[in-house]
């Protein structure tokens, strides 16, 4: 068991662990859950319901949530592009064939 001579060291370590845990949790959250959480954070900060230090932590969490939303949206966009290209290729192949062959 470690004894901390400086309380700020212990506080910093705990804050770093908490931040890591939050990032891990955020990486698993869905787009809809992230938006809901962002809405809650913005509401609390705008209404001044939380102390300054908590506001800063919530702001940091909000930025991580925004990053997660962007990642999810980017993956969705890439998936849509892939589907569109596949569909265009399929349609192109279909139009190149003899029309009479399509009905045999």
Protein backbone atom coordinates (compact mmCIF):
# COMPACT_ATOMS: atom_id res chain seq x y z
CA UNK A 1 0.00 0.00 0.00
CA UNK A 2 1.43 3.36 -1.04
CA UNK A 3 1.39 6.35 1.26
CA UNK A 4 1.00 9.65 -0.53
CA UNK A 5 2.97 12.51 0.94
CA UNK A 6 1.46 14.95 -1.51
CA UNK A 7 -2.32 14.88 -1.80
CA UNK A 8 -2.20 16.54 -5.21
CA UNK A 9 -0.30 13.53 -6.62
CA UNK A 10 -3.05 11.19 -5.44
CA UNK A 11 -5.72 13.53 -6.81
CA UNK A 12 -3.95 13.72 -10.18
CA UNK A 13 -3.66 9.94 -10.38
CA UNK A 14 -7.32 9.51 -9.50
CA UNK A 15 -8.34 12.13 -12.08
CA UNK A 16 -6.21 10.41 -14.75
CA UNK A 17 -7.80 7.03 -13.96
CA UNK A 18 -11.28 8.56 -14.03
CA UNK A 19 -10.53 10.22 -17.37
CA UNK A 20 -9.27 6.93 -18.84
CA UNK A 21 -12.37 5.11 -17.60
CA UNK A 22 -14.61 7.79 -19.13
CA UNK A 23 -12.83 7.50 -22.49
CA UNK A 24 -13.25 3.71 -22.42
CA UNK A 25 -16.95 4.11 -21.63
CA UNK A 26 -17.43 6.73 -24.34
CA UNK A 27 -15.79 4.51 -26.96
CA UNK A 28 -18.59 1.98 -26.38
CA UNK A 29 -21.51 4.42 -26.44
CA UNK A 30 -23.97 4.62 -29.33
CA UNK A 31 -24.56 7.77 -31.36
CA UNK A 32 -28.00 8.30 -29.83
CA UNK A 33 -26.69 7.83 -26.29
CA UNK A 34 -23.84 10.27 -26.96
CA UNK A 35 -26.25 12.93 -28.25
CA UNK A 36 -28.50 12.45 -25.22
CA UNK A 37 -25.51 12.77 -22.87
CA UNK A 38 -24.28 15.87 -24.72
CA UNK A 39 -27.71 17.46 -24.38
CA UNK A 40 -27.67 16.80 -20.64
CA UNK A 41 -24.17 18.23 -20.26
CA UNK A 42 -25.00 21.39 -22.21
CA UNK A 43 -28.18 21.90 -20.17
CA UNK A 44 -26.34 21.59 -16.85
CA UNK A 45 -23.54 23.93 -17.90
CA UNK A 46 -25.89 26.54 -19.38
CA UNK A 47 -28.09 26.59 -16.28
CA UNK A 48 -25.08 26.89 -13.99
CA UNK A 49 -26.22 23.86 -12.00
CA UNK A 50 -22.71 22.57 -11.38
CA UNK A 51 -19.53 24.06 -9.88
CA UNK A 52 -16.75 25.33 -12.14
CA UNK A 53 -14.48 22.28 -11.71
CA UNK A 54 -17.37 19.96 -12.56
CA UNK A 55 -18.22 22.16 -15.55
CA UNK A 56 -14.68 21.73 -16.84
CA UNK A 57 -14.88 17.96 -16.40
CA UNK A 58 -18.25 17.89 -18.15
CA UNK A 59 -16.86 20.04 -20.96
CA UNK A 60 -14.00 17.58 -21.37
CA UNK A 61 -16.45 14.68 -21.43
CA UNK A 62 -18.57 16.55 -23.96
CA UNK A 63 -15.59 16.97 -26.26
CA UNK A 64 -14.90 13.23 -26.04
CA UNK A 65 -18.56 12.54 -26.85
CA UNK A 66 -18.37 14.84 -29.88
CA UNK A 67 -15.29 12.97 -31.07
CA UNK A 68 -17.15 9.66 -30.66
CA UNK A 69 -20.13 11.03 -32.64
CA UNK A 70 -17.82 12.14 -35.45
CA UNK A 71 -16.20 8.70 -35.53
CA UNK A 72 -19.57 6.98 -35.74
CA UNK A 73 -20.77 9.35 -38.47
CA UNK A 74 -17.56 8.86 -40.45
CA UNK A 75 -17.99 5.07 -40.32
CA UNK A 76 -21.61 5.43 -41.42
CA UNK A 77 -20.58 7.67 -44.33
CA UNK A 78 -17.92 5.18 -45.41
CA UNK A 79 -20.49 2.37 -45.28
CA UNK A 80 -22.95 4.40 -47.38
CA UNK A 81 -20.24 5.15 -49.95
CA UNK A 82 -19.37 1.44 -50.15
CA UNK A 83 -23.01 0.45 -50.64
CA UNK A 84 -23.47 3.16 -53.27
CA UNK A 85 -20.39 2.04 -55.21
CA UNK A 86 -21.51 -1.58 -55.07
CA UNK A 87 -24.95 -0.59 -56.32
CA UNK A 88 -23.49 1.52 -59.12
CA UNK A 89 -21.23 -1.36 -60.17
CA UNK A 90 -24.16 -3.76 -60.12
CA UNK A 91 -26.31 -1.40 -62.17
CA UNK A 92 -23.46 -0.78 -64.60
CA UNK A 93 -22.94 -4.52 -65.10
CA UNK A 94 -26.66 -4.98 -65.68
CA UNK A 95 -26.81 -2.27 -68.36
CA UNK A 96 -23.81 -3.68 -70.22
CA UNK A 97 -25.54 -7.01 -70.78
CA UNK A 98 -27.74 -7.71 -73.74
CA UNK A 99 -31.28 -6.70 -72.71
CA UNK A 100 -32.65 -9.92 -74.16
CA UNK A 101 -30.39 -11.92 -71.83
CA UNK A 102 -32.06 -10.37 -68.79
CA UNK A 103 -35.39 -11.96 -69.62
CA UNK A 104 -34.20 -15.49 -70.35
